[in-house]
PDB file of all heavy atoms in Angstrom:
ATOM      1  N   ASP A   1    -258.444  59.646 -78.261  1.00  0.00           N
ATOM      2  CA  ASP A   1    -257.728  60.597 -78.954  1.00  0.00           C
ATOM      3  C   ASP A   1    -258.674  61.272 -79.980  1.00  0.00           C
ATOM      4  O   ASP A   1    -258.527  62.473 -80.175  1.00  0.00           O
ATOM      5  CB  ASP A   1    -256.540  59.944 -79.766  1.00  0.00           C
ATOM      6  CG  ASP A   1    -255.452  59.493 -78.831  1.00  0.00           C
ATOM      7  OD1 ASP A   1    -255.439  59.872 -77.619  1.00  0.00           O
ATOM      8  OD2 ASP A   1    -254.519  58.704 -79.320  1.00  0.00           O
ATOM      9  N   ILE A   2    -259.473  60.530 -80.739  1.00  0.00           N
ATOM     10  CA  ILE A   2    -260.435  61.046 -81.600  1.00  0.00           C
ATOM     11  C   ILE A   2    -261.364  62.012 -81.027  1.00  0.00           C
ATOM     12  O   ILE A   2    -261.647  63.071 -81.554  1.00  0.00           O
ATOM     13  CB  ILE A   2    -261.175  59.863 -82.385  1.00  0.00           C
ATOM     14  CG1 ILE A   2    -260.255  59.059 -83.201  1.00  0.00           C
ATOM     15  CG2 ILE A   2    -262.306  60.490 -83.250  1.00  0.00           C
ATOM     16  CD1 ILE A   2    -260.848  57.844 -83.925  1.00  0.00           C
ATOM     17  N   ILE A   3    -261.860  61.603 -79.830  1.00  0.00           N
ATOM     18  CA  ILE A   3    -262.922  62.478 -79.170  1.00  0.00           C
ATOM     19  C   ILE A   3    -262.238  63.779 -78.389  1.00  0.00           C
ATOM     20  O   ILE A   3    -262.748  64.820 -78.647  1.00  0.00           O
ATOM     21  CB  ILE A   3    -263.522  61.672 -78.005  1.00  0.00           C
ATOM     22  CG1 ILE A   3    -264.341  60.461 -78.695  1.00  0.00           C
ATOM     23  CG2 ILE A   3    -264.510  62.548 -77.122  1.00  0.00           C
ATOM     24  CD1 ILE A   3    -264.882  59.435 -77.642  1.00  0.00           C
ATOM     25  N   ASN A   4    -261.093  63.465 -77.965  1.00  0.00           N
ATOM     26  CA  ASN A   4    -260.581  64.597 -77.093  1.00  0.00           C
ATOM     27  C   ASN A   4    -259.356  65.368 -77.672  1.00  0.00           C
ATOM     28  O   ASN A   4    -259.226  66.591 -77.403  1.00  0.00           O
ATOM     29  CB  ASN A   4    -260.095  63.980 -75.653  1.00  0.00           C
ATOM     30  CG  ASN A   4    -261.167  63.477 -74.894  1.00  0.00           C
ATOM     31  OD1 ASN A   4    -262.291  63.846 -74.990  1.00  0.00           O
ATOM     32  ND2 ASN A   4    -260.853  62.216 -74.261  1.00  0.00           N
ATOM     33  N   GLU A   5    -258.629  64.763 -78.662  1.00  0.00           N
ATOM     34  CA  GLU A   5    -257.386  65.373 -79.105  1.00  0.00           C
ATOM     35  C   GLU A   5    -257.447  65.773 -80.539  1.00  0.00           C
ATOM     36  O   GLU A   5    -256.761  66.705 -81.049  1.00  0.00           O
ATOM     37  CB  GLU A   5    -256.195  64.505 -78.819  1.00  0.00           C
ATOM     38  CG  GLU A   5    -255.986  64.229 -77.379  1.00  0.00           C
ATOM     39  CD  GLU A   5    -254.725  63.472 -77.140  1.00  0.00           C
ATOM     40  OE1 GLU A   5    -253.992  63.350 -78.057  1.00  0.00           O
ATOM     41  OE2 GLU A   5    -254.589  62.822 -76.004  1.00  0.00           O
ATOM     42  N   ARG A   6    -258.267  65.024 -81.400  1.00  0.00           N
ATOM     43  CA  ARG A   6    -258.365  65.238 -82.758  1.00  0.00           C
ATOM     44  C   ARG A   6    -259.147  66.415 -83.066  1.00  0.00           C
ATOM     45  O   ARG A   6    -260.411  66.458 -82.785  1.00  0.00           O
ATOM     46  CB  ARG A   6    -258.896  64.051 -83.581  1.00  0.00           C
ATOM     47  CG  ARG A   6    -257.934  62.853 -83.452  1.00  0.00           C
ATOM     48  CD  ARG A   6    -256.690  63.056 -84.159  1.00  0.00           C
ATOM     49  NE  ARG A   6    -255.699  61.904 -83.988  1.00  0.00           N
ATOM     50  CZ  ARG A   6    -254.457  61.968 -84.371  1.00  0.00           C
ATOM     51  NH1 ARG A   6    -253.867  62.998 -84.894  1.00  0.00           N
ATOM     52  NH2 ARG A   6    -253.677  60.810 -84.092  1.00  0.00           N
ATOM     53  N   THR A   7    -258.578  67.540 -83.620  1.00  0.00           N
ATOM     54  CA  THR A   7    -259.254  68.766 -83.822  1.00  0.00           C
ATOM     55  C   THR A   7    -259.538  68.995 -85.290  1.00  0.00           C
ATOM     56  O   THR A   7    -260.112  70.078 -85.673  1.00  0.00           O
ATOM     57  CB  THR A   7    -258.552  69.988 -83.131  1.00  0.00           C
ATOM     58  OG1 THR A   7    -257.313  70.077 -83.701  1.00  0.00           O
ATOM     59  CG2 THR A   7    -258.489  69.841 -81.660  1.00  0.00           C
ATOM     60  N   LYS A   8    -259.006  68.226 -86.171  1.00  0.00           N
ATOM     61  CA  LYS A   8    -259.132  68.503 -87.597  1.00  0.00           C
ATOM     62  C   LYS A   8    -259.488  67.083 -88.269  1.00  0.00           C
ATOM     63  O   LYS A   8    -259.149  66.065 -87.917  1.00  0.00           O
ATOM     64  CB  LYS A   8    -257.764  68.851 -88.163  1.00  0.00           C
ATOM     65  CG  LYS A   8    -257.245  70.214 -87.689  1.00  0.00           C
ATOM     66  CD  LYS A   8    -255.941  70.585 -88.399  1.00  0.00           C
ATOM     67  CE  LYS A   8    -255.424  71.912 -87.999  1.00  0.00           C
ATOM     68  NZ  LYS A   8    -254.162  72.331 -88.642  1.00  0.00           N
ATOM     69  N   PHE A   9    -260.162  67.290 -89.380  1.00  0.00           N
ATOM     70  CA  PHE A   9    -260.598  66.180 -90.141  1.00  0.00           C
ATOM     71  C   PHE A   9    -259.472  65.719 -91.033  1.00  0.00           C
ATOM     72  O   PHE A   9    -259.355  64.565 -91.486  1.00  0.00           O
ATOM     73  CB  PHE A   9    -261.809  66.489 -91.010  1.00  0.00           C
ATOM     74  CG  PHE A   9    -262.625  65.256 -91.583  1.00  0.00           C
ATOM     75  CD1 PHE A   9    -263.664  64.737 -90.761  1.00  0.00           C
ATOM     76  CD2 PHE A   9    -262.263  64.487 -92.674  1.00  0.00           C
ATOM     77  CE1 PHE A   9    -264.231  63.476 -91.127  1.00  0.00           C
ATOM     78  CE2 PHE A   9    -262.837  63.385 -93.122  1.00  0.00           C
ATOM     79  CZ  PHE A   9    -263.948  62.924 -92.319  1.00  0.00           C
ATOM     80  N   GLY A  10    -258.713  66.705 -91.408  1.00  0.00           N
ATOM     81  CA  GLY A  10    -257.528  66.513 -92.307  1.00  0.00           C
ATOM     82  C   GLY A  10    -256.855  67.891 -92.601  1.00  0.00           C
ATOM     83  O   GLY A  10    -256.999  68.823 -91.824  1.00  0.00           O
ATOM     84  N   LYS A  11    -255.932  67.771 -93.512  1.00  0.00           N
ATOM     85  CA  LYS A  11    -255.148  68.990 -93.707  1.00  0.00           C
ATOM     86  C   LYS A  11    -255.299  69.335 -95.303  1.00  0.00           C
ATOM     87  O   LYS A  11    -255.248  68.537 -96.056  1.00  0.00           O
ATOM     88  CB  LYS A  11    -253.769  68.743 -93.430  1.00  0.00           C
ATOM     89  CG  LYS A  11    -252.792  70.011 -93.705  1.00  0.00           C
ATOM     90  CD  LYS A  11    -251.375  69.562 -93.370  1.00  0.00           C
ATOM     91  CE  LYS A  11    -250.423  70.822 -93.703  1.00  0.00           C
ATOM     92  NZ  LYS A  11    -248.988  70.389 -93.438  1.00  0.00           N
ATOM     93  N   VAL A  12    -255.659  70.547 -95.522  1.00  0.00           N
ATOM     94  CA  VAL A  12    -255.769  71.127 -96.800  1.00  0.00           C
ATOM     95  C   VAL A  12    -254.432  71.330 -97.434  1.00  0.00           C
ATOM     96  O   VAL A  12    -253.485  72.014 -96.788  1.00  0.00           O
ATOM     97  CB  VAL A  12    -256.518  72.410 -97.016  1.00  0.00           C
ATOM     98  CG1 VAL A  12    -256.582  72.961 -98.342  1.00  0.00           C
ATOM     99  CG2 VAL A  12    -257.969  72.235 -96.473  1.00  0.00           C
ATOM    100  N   VAL A  13    -253.954  70.716 -98.513  1.00  0.00           N
ATOM    101  CA  VAL A  13    -252.691  70.865 -99.147  1.00  0.00           C
ATOM    102  C   VAL A  13    -252.921  71.480-100.556  1.00  0.00           C
ATOM    103  O   VAL A  13    -253.696  70.973-101.372  1.00  0.00           O
ATOM    104  CB  VAL A  13    -252.114  69.346 -99.309  1.00  0.00           C
ATOM    105  CG1 VAL A  13    -250.739  69.534-100.042  1.00  0.00           C
ATOM    106  CG2 VAL A  13    -251.912  68.604 -97.996  1.00  0.00           C
ATOM    107  N   VAL A  14    -252.152  72.484-100.653  1.00  0.00           N
ATOM    108  CA  VAL A  14    -252.056  73.139-101.905  1.00  0.00           C
ATOM    109  C   VAL A  14    -250.593  73.047-102.483  1.00  0.00           C
ATOM    110  O   VAL A  14    -249.744  73.582-101.790  1.00  0.00           O
ATOM    111  CB  VAL A  14    -252.514  74.636-101.854  1.00  0.00           C
ATOM    112  CG1 VAL A  14    -252.437  75.459-103.350  1.00  0.00           C
ATOM    113  CG2 VAL A  14    -253.961  74.755-101.300  1.00  0.00           C
ATOM    114  N   HIS A  15    -250.462  72.594-103.617  1.00  0.00           N
ATOM    115  CA  HIS A  15    -249.138  72.533-104.256  1.00  0.00           C
ATOM    116  C   HIS A  15    -249.173  72.702-105.747  1.00  0.00           C
ATOM    117  O   HIS A  15    -250.185  72.612-106.334  1.00  0.00           O
ATOM    118  CB  HIS A  15    -248.450  71.143-103.971  1.00  0.00           C
ATOM    119  CG  HIS A  15    -249.111  70.037-104.443  1.00  0.00           C
ATOM    120  ND1 HIS A  15    -250.233  69.390-103.902  1.00  0.00           N
ATOM    121  CD2 HIS A  15    -248.904  69.381-105.754  1.00  0.00           C
ATOM    122  CE1 HIS A  15    -250.557  68.379-104.622  1.00  0.00           C
ATOM    123  NE2 HIS A  15    -249.764  68.346-105.847  1.00  0.00           N
ATOM    124  N   ALA A  16    -248.086  73.163-106.269  1.00  0.00           N
ATOM    125  CA  ALA A  16    -247.982  73.461-107.790  1.00  0.00           C
ATOM    126  C   ALA A  16    -247.364  72.291-108.447  1.00  0.00           C
ATOM    127  O   ALA A  16    -246.299  71.741-108.039  1.00  0.00           O
ATOM    128  CB  ALA A  16    -247.045  74.687-107.874  1.00  0.00           C
ATOM    129  N   MET A  17    -248.009  71.833-109.434  1.00  0.00           N
ATOM    130  CA  MET A  17    -247.451  70.715-110.313  1.00  0.00           C
ATOM    131  C   MET A  17    -246.794  71.313-111.520  1.00  0.00           C
ATOM    132  O   MET A  17    -247.320  72.297-112.111  1.00  0.00           O
ATOM    133  CB  MET A  17    -248.467  69.756-110.649  1.00  0.00           C
ATOM    134  CG  MET A  17    -249.073  68.981-109.519  1.00  0.00           C
ATOM    135  SD  MET A  17    -250.514  67.890-109.908  1.00  0.00           S
ATOM    136  CE  MET A  17    -249.440  66.740-110.900  1.00  0.00           C
ATOM    137  N   PRO A  18    -245.769  70.709-112.137  1.00  0.00           N
ATOM    138  CA  PRO A  18    -245.210  71.130-113.383  1.00  0.00           C
ATOM    139  C   PRO A  18    -246.201  71.171-114.528  1.00  0.00           C
ATOM    140  O   PRO A  18    -247.059  70.336-114.679  1.00  0.00           O
ATOM    141  CB  PRO A  18    -244.110  70.224-113.816  1.00  0.00           C
ATOM    142  CG  PRO A  18    -243.760  69.642-112.451  1.00  0.00           C
ATOM    143  CD  PRO A  18    -245.135  69.629-111.680  1.00  0.00           C
ATOM    144  N   SER A  19    -246.198  72.266-115.324  1.00  0.00           N
ATOM    145  CA  SER A  19    -247.296  72.434-116.434  1.00  0.00           C
ATOM    146  C   SER A  19    -247.027  71.415-117.502  1.00  0.00           C
ATOM    147  O   SER A  19    -245.755  71.118-117.831  1.00  0.00           O
ATOM    148  CB  SER A  19    -247.255  73.856-117.010  1.00  0.00           C
ATOM    149  OG  SER A  19    -248.078  73.849-118.065  1.00  0.00           O
ATOM    150  N   LYS A  20    -247.976  70.751-118.054  1.00  0.00           N
ATOM    151  CA  LYS A  20    -247.823  69.921-119.276  1.00  0.00           C
ATOM    152  C   LYS A  20    -248.294  70.658-120.445  1.00  0.00           C
ATOM    153  O   LYS A  20    -248.465  70.026-121.643  1.00  0.00           O
ATOM    154  CB  LYS A  20    -248.752  68.650-119.089  1.00  0.00           C
ATOM    155  CG  LYS A  20    -248.227  67.718-117.970  1.00  0.00           C
ATOM    156  CD  LYS A  20    -249.087  66.461-118.025  1.00  0.00           C
ATOM    157  CE  LYS A  20    -248.542  65.483-116.963  1.00  0.00           C
ATOM    158  NZ  LYS A  20    -249.165  64.208-116.843  1.00  0.00           N
ATOM    159  N   LEU A  21    -248.370  71.978-120.456  1.00  0.00           N
ATOM    160  CA  LEU A  21    -248.815  72.702-121.533  1.00  0.00           C
ATOM    161  C   LEU A  21    -247.784  72.657-122.662  1.00  0.00           C
ATOM    162  O   LEU A  21    -246.594  73.155-122.487  1.00  0.00           O
ATOM    163  CB  LEU A  21    -249.092  74.236-121.162  1.00  0.00           C
ATOM    164  CG  LEU A  21    -250.037  75.070-122.172  1.00  0.00           C
ATOM    165  CD1 LEU A  21    -251.359  74.440-122.332  1.00  0.00           C
ATOM    166  CD2 LEU A  21    -250.087  76.441-121.507  1.00  0.00           C
ATOM    167  N   ALA A  22    -248.097  72.271-123.911  1.00  0.00           N
ATOM    168  CA  ALA A  22    -247.248  72.244-125.054  1.00  0.00           C
ATOM    169  C   ALA A  22    -247.361  73.485-125.840  1.00  0.00           C
ATOM    170  O   ALA A  22    -248.327  73.738-126.613  1.00  0.00           O
ATOM    171  CB  ALA A  22    -247.418  71.051-125.862  1.00  0.00           C
ATOM    172  N   LEU A  23    -246.449  74.460-125.818  1.00  0.00           N
ATOM    173  CA  LEU A  23    -246.447  75.682-126.567  1.00  0.00           C
ATOM    174  C   LEU A  23    -245.620  75.542-127.766  1.00  0.00           C
ATOM    175  O   LEU A  23    -244.718  74.843-127.804  1.00  0.00           O
ATOM    176  CB  LEU A  23    -245.927  76.790-125.603  1.00  0.00           C
ATOM    177  CG  LEU A  23    -246.660  77.119-124.359  1.00  0.00           C
ATOM    178  CD1 LEU A  23    -245.964  78.218-123.546  1.00  0.00           C
ATOM    179  CD2 LEU A  23    -248.002  77.379-124.476  1.00  0.00           C
ATOM    180  N   LYS A  24    -246.061  76.300-128.785  1.00  0.00           N
ATOM    181  CA  LYS A  24    -245.430  76.215-130.127  1.00  0.00           C
ATOM    182  C   LYS A  24    -244.213  77.022-130.171  1.00  0.00           C
ATOM    183  O   LYS A  24    -244.123  78.158-129.712  1.00  0.00           O
ATOM    184  CB  LYS A  24    -246.335  76.632-131.199  1.00  0.00           C
ATOM    185  CG  LYS A  24    -247.642  75.673-131.332  1.00  0.00           C
ATOM    186  CD  LYS A  24    -248.483  76.287-132.396  1.00  0.00           C
ATOM    187  CE  LYS A  24    -249.807  75.465-132.589  1.00  0.00           C
ATOM    188  NZ  LYS A  24    -250.732  75.937-133.567  1.00  0.00           N
ATOM    189  N   SER A  25    -243.156  76.496-130.613  1.00  0.00           N
ATOM    190  CA  SER A  25    -241.911  77.143-130.944  1.00  0.00           C
ATOM    191  C   SER A  25    -241.142  76.387-132.012  1.00  0.00           C
ATOM    192  O   SER A  25    -240.384  75.479-131.851  1.00  0.00           O
ATOM    193  CB  SER A  25    -240.950  77.262-129.731  1.00  0.00           C
ATOM    194  OG  SER A  25    -239.758  77.958-129.938  1.00  0.00           O
ATOM    195  N   ARG A  26    -241.223  76.988-133.323  1.00  0.00           N
ATOM    196  CA  ARG A  26    -240.774  76.240-134.518  1.00  0.00           C
ATOM    197  C   ARG A  26    -239.316  76.019-134.419  1.00  0.00           C
ATOM    198  O   ARG A  26    -238.845  74.986-134.611  1.00  0.00           O
ATOM    199  CB  ARG A  26    -241.218  76.963-135.706  1.00  0.00           C
ATOM    200  CG  ARG A  26    -242.702  77.019-135.999  1.00  0.00           C
ATOM    201  CD  ARG A  26    -242.915  77.604-137.425  1.00  0.00           C
ATOM    202  NE  ARG A  26    -242.499  78.970-137.500  1.00  0.00           N
ATOM    203  CZ  ARG A  26    -242.296  79.599-138.613  1.00  0.00           C
ATOM    204  NH1 ARG A  26    -242.550  79.086-139.708  1.00  0.00           N
ATOM    205  NH2 ARG A  26    -241.905  80.882-138.485  1.00  0.00           N
ATOM    206  N   THR A  27    -238.548  77.007-134.055  1.00  0.00           N
ATOM    207  CA  THR A  27    -237.072  76.884-134.035  1.00  0.00           C
ATOM    208  C   THR A  27    -236.671  75.951-133.012  1.00  0.00           C
ATOM    209  O   THR A  27    -235.887  75.074-133.270  1.00  0.00           O
ATOM    210  CB  THR A  27    -236.419  78.321-133.750  1.00  0.00           C
ATOM    211  OG1 THR A  27    -236.879  79.184-134.705  1.00  0.00           O
ATOM    212  CG2 THR A  27    -234.971  78.237-133.839  1.00  0.00           C
ATOM    213  N   LEU A  28    -237.231  76.099-131.794  1.00  0.00           N
ATOM    214  CA  LEU A  28    -236.818  75.091-130.772  1.00  0.00           C
ATOM    215  C   LEU A  28    -237.349  73.619-131.073  1.00  0.00           C
ATOM    216  O   LEU A  28    -236.515  72.709-130.932  1.00  0.00           O
ATOM    217  CB  LEU A  28    -237.454  75.622-129.461  1.00  0.00           C
ATOM    218  CG  LEU A  28    -237.228  74.685-128.260  1.00  0.00           C
ATOM    219  CD1 LEU A  28    -235.697  74.568-127.899  1.00  0.00           C
ATOM    220  CD2 LEU A  28    -237.978  75.218-127.011  1.00  0.00           C
ATOM    221  N   GLY A  29    -238.464  73.589-131.572  1.00  0.00           N
ATOM    222  CA  GLY A  29    -238.920  72.317-132.017  1.00  0.00           C
ATOM    223  C   GLY A  29    -238.195  71.563-132.996  1.00  0.00           C
ATOM    224  O   GLY A  29    -237.936  70.441-132.873  1.00  0.00           O
ATOM    225  N   GLN A  30    -237.798  72.328-133.986  1.00  0.00           N
ATOM    226  CA  GLN A  30    -236.965  71.832-135.035  1.00  0.00           C
ATOM    227  C   GLN A  30    -235.700  71.343-134.464  1.00  0.00           C
ATOM    228  O   GLN A  30    -235.106  70.222-134.839  1.00  0.00           O
ATOM    229  CB  GLN A  30    -236.760  72.753-136.207  1.00  0.00           C
ATOM    230  CG  GLN A  30    -238.092  72.960-137.032  1.00  0.00           C
ATOM    231  CD  GLN A  30    -238.036  74.188-137.932  1.00  0.00           C
ATOM    232  OE1 GLN A  30    -236.961  74.897-137.986  1.00  0.00           O
ATOM    233  NE2 GLN A  30    -239.090  74.434-138.732  1.00  0.00           N
ATOM    234  N   ALA A  31    -235.117  72.162-133.654  1.00  0.00           N
ATOM    235  CA  ALA A  31    -233.694  71.703-133.087  1.00  0.00           C
ATOM    236  C   ALA A  31    -233.894  70.443-132.324  1.00  0.00           C
ATOM    237  O   ALA A  31    -232.983  69.652-132.427  1.00  0.00           O
ATOM    238  CB  ALA A  31    -233.246  72.891-132.239  1.00  0.00           C
ATOM    239  N   GLN A  32    -234.892  70.352-131.479  1.00  0.00           N
ATOM    240  CA  GLN A  32    -235.100  69.084-130.749  1.00  0.00           C
ATOM    241  C   GLN A  32    -235.308  67.897-131.599  1.00  0.00           C
ATOM    242  O   GLN A  32    -234.887  66.841-131.337  1.00  0.00           O
ATOM    243  CB  GLN A  32    -236.329  69.350-129.805  1.00  0.00           C
ATOM    244  CG  GLN A  32    -236.064  70.226-128.639  1.00  0.00           C
ATOM    245  CD  GLN A  32    -237.275  70.386-127.753  1.00  0.00           C
ATOM    246  OE1 GLN A  32    -238.444  70.348-128.211  1.00  0.00           O
ATOM    247  NE2 GLN A  32    -237.080  70.818-126.544  1.00  0.00           N
ATOM    248  N   MET A  33    -236.201  68.163-132.750  1.00  0.00           N
ATOM    249  CA  MET A  33    -236.382  66.950-133.593  1.00  0.00           C
ATOM    250  C   MET A  33    -235.011  66.511-134.216  1.00  0.00           C
ATOM    251  O   MET A  33    -234.882  65.223-134.303  1.00  0.00           O
ATOM    252  CB  MET A  33    -237.478  67.508-134.622  1.00  0.00           C
ATOM    253  CG  MET A  33    -237.910  66.286-135.567  1.00  0.00           C
ATOM    254  SD  MET A  33    -238.819  65.001-134.622  1.00  0.00           S
ATOM    255  CE  MET A  33    -240.236  65.840-134.343  1.00  0.00           C
ATOM    256  N   ILE A  34    -234.311  67.411-134.581  1.00  0.00           N
ATOM    257  CA  ILE A  34    -233.017  67.100-135.296  1.00  0.00           C
ATOM    258  C   ILE A  34    -232.149  66.305-134.216  1.00  0.00           C
ATOM    259  O   ILE A  34    -231.555  65.393-134.586  1.00  0.00           O
ATOM    260  CB  ILE A  34    -232.338  68.251-135.815  1.00  0.00           C
ATOM    261  CG1 ILE A  34    -233.000  68.917-136.953  1.00  0.00           C
ATOM    262  CG2 ILE A  34    -230.799  68.034-136.269  1.00  0.00           C
ATOM    263  CD1 ILE A  34    -232.558  70.211-137.316  1.00  0.00           C
ATOM    264  N   LYS A  35    -232.141  66.827-132.969  1.00  0.00           N
ATOM    265  CA  LYS A  35    -231.356  66.183-132.017  1.00  0.00           C
ATOM    266  C   LYS A  35    -231.808  64.757-131.680  1.00  0.00           C
ATOM    267  O   LYS A  35    -231.016  63.834-131.646  1.00  0.00           O
ATOM    268  CB  LYS A  35    -231.406  66.956-130.735  1.00  0.00           C
ATOM    269  CG  LYS A  35    -230.463  66.411-129.693  1.00  0.00           C
ATOM    270  CD  LYS A  35    -230.532  67.303-128.408  1.00  0.00           C
ATOM    271  CE  LYS A  35    -229.689  66.735-127.316  1.00  0.00           C
ATOM    272  NZ  LYS A  35    -229.782  67.654-126.145  1.00  0.00           N
ATOM    273  N   VAL A  36    -233.024  64.537-131.601  1.00  0.00           N
ATOM    274  CA  VAL A  36    -233.643  63.238-131.298  1.00  0.00           C
ATOM    275  C   VAL A  36    -233.358  62.159-132.426  1.00  0.00           C
ATOM    276  O   VAL A  36    -233.005  61.092-132.243  1.00  0.00           O
ATOM    277  CB  VAL A  36    -235.288  63.369-130.975  1.00  0.00           C
ATOM    278  CG1 VAL A  36    -235.802  62.020-130.836  1.00  0.00           C
ATOM    279  CG2 VAL A  36    -235.356  64.042-129.637  1.00  0.00           C
ATOM    280  N   ASN A  37    -233.673  62.667-133.644  1.00  0.00           N
ATOM    281  CA  ASN A  37    -233.539  61.790-134.763  1.00  0.00           C
ATOM    282  C   ASN A  37    -232.070  61.389-134.962  1.00  0.00           C
ATOM    283  O   ASN A  37    -231.767  60.248-135.264  1.00  0.00           O
ATOM    284  CB  ASN A  37    -233.999  62.535-136.135  1.00  0.00           C
ATOM    285  CG  ASN A  37    -235.545  62.486-136.145  1.00  0.00           C
ATOM    286  OD1 ASN A  37    -236.174  61.708-135.432  1.00  0.00           O
ATOM    287  ND2 ASN A  37    -235.988  63.367-136.969  1.00  0.00           N
ATOM    288  N   ALA A  38    -231.117  62.388-134.800  1.00  0.00           N
ATOM    289  CA  ALA A  38    -229.693  62.053-134.870  1.00  0.00           C
ATOM    290  C   ALA A  38    -229.338  60.918-133.795  1.00  0.00           C
ATOM    291  O   ALA A  38    -228.524  59.928-134.176  1.00  0.00           O
ATOM    292  CB  ALA A  38    -228.816  63.218-134.633  1.00  0.00           C
ATOM    293  N   LYS A  39    -229.806  61.029-132.597  1.00  0.00           N
ATOM    294  CA  LYS A  39    -229.449  60.132-131.493  1.00  0.00           C
ATOM    295  C   LYS A  39    -230.067  58.683-131.896  1.00  0.00           C
ATOM    296  O   LYS A  39    -229.408  57.757-131.695  1.00  0.00           O
ATOM    297  CB  LYS A  39    -229.900  60.643-130.176  1.00  0.00           C
ATOM    298  CG  LYS A  39    -229.089  61.649-129.678  1.00  0.00           C
ATOM    299  CD  LYS A  39    -229.533  62.105-128.259  1.00  0.00           C
ATOM    300  CE  LYS A  39    -229.089  61.164-127.267  1.00  0.00           C
ATOM    301  NZ  LYS A  39    -229.547  61.542-125.877  1.00  0.00           N
ATOM    302  N   SER A  40    -231.390  58.761-132.299  1.00  0.00           N
ATOM    303  CA  SER A  40    -232.080  57.592-132.321  1.00  0.00           C
ATOM    304  C   SER A  40    -231.476  56.743-133.590  1.00  0.00           C
ATOM    305  O   SER A  40    -231.464  55.548-133.436  1.00  0.00           O
ATOM    306  CB  SER A  40    -233.577  57.788-132.557  1.00  0.00           C
ATOM    307  OG  SER A  40    -233.834  58.463-133.810  1.00  0.00           O
ATOM    308  N   LYS A  41    -231.038  57.318-134.623  1.00  0.00           N
ATOM    309  CA  LYS A  41    -230.486  56.541-135.696  1.00  0.00           C
ATOM    310  C   LYS A  41    -229.233  55.873-135.277  1.00  0.00           C
ATOM    311  O   LYS A  41    -229.085  54.549-135.521  1.00  0.00           O
ATOM    312  CB  LYS A  41    -230.146  57.512-136.916  1.00  0.00           C
ATOM    313  CG  LYS A  41    -231.415  58.000-137.651  1.00  0.00           C
ATOM    314  CD  LYS A  41    -230.969  58.839-138.781  1.00  0.00           C
ATOM    315  CE  LYS A  41    -232.193  59.399-139.489  1.00  0.00           C
ATOM    316  NZ  LYS A  41    -231.796  60.407-140.606  1.00  0.00           N
ATOM    317  N   SER A  42    -228.383  56.555-134.530  1.00  0.00           N
ATOM    318  CA  SER A  42    -227.018  55.781-134.132  1.00  0.00           C
ATOM    319  C   SER A  42    -227.402  54.858-133.050  1.00  0.00           C
ATOM    320  O   SER A  42    -226.954  53.730-133.029  1.00  0.00           O
ATOM    321  CB  SER A  42    -226.057  56.942-133.568  1.00  0.00           C
ATOM    322  OG  SER A  42    -226.588  57.506-132.545  1.00  0.00           O
ATOM    323  N   SER A  43    -228.379  55.147-132.187  1.00  0.00           N
ATOM    324  CA  SER A  43    -228.651  54.321-131.046  1.00  0.00           C
ATOM    325  C   SER A  43    -229.337  53.010-131.542  1.00  0.00           C
ATOM    326  O   SER A  43    -228.956  51.918-131.063  1.00  0.00           O
ATOM    327  CB  SER A  43    -229.687  54.983-130.027  1.00  0.00           C
ATOM    328  OG  SER A  43    -231.064  55.140-130.559  1.00  0.00           O
TER     329      SER A  43
END
């Protein structure tokens, strides 16, 4: 099979991964901080 049938060494795969880039947004960040702190105190 390797000699006669295998025509490729492998397959090139291109895929998109979710970005881990942390962008600044003071309003959104403050809202998230308030939400997390409120949950963690009660939890």
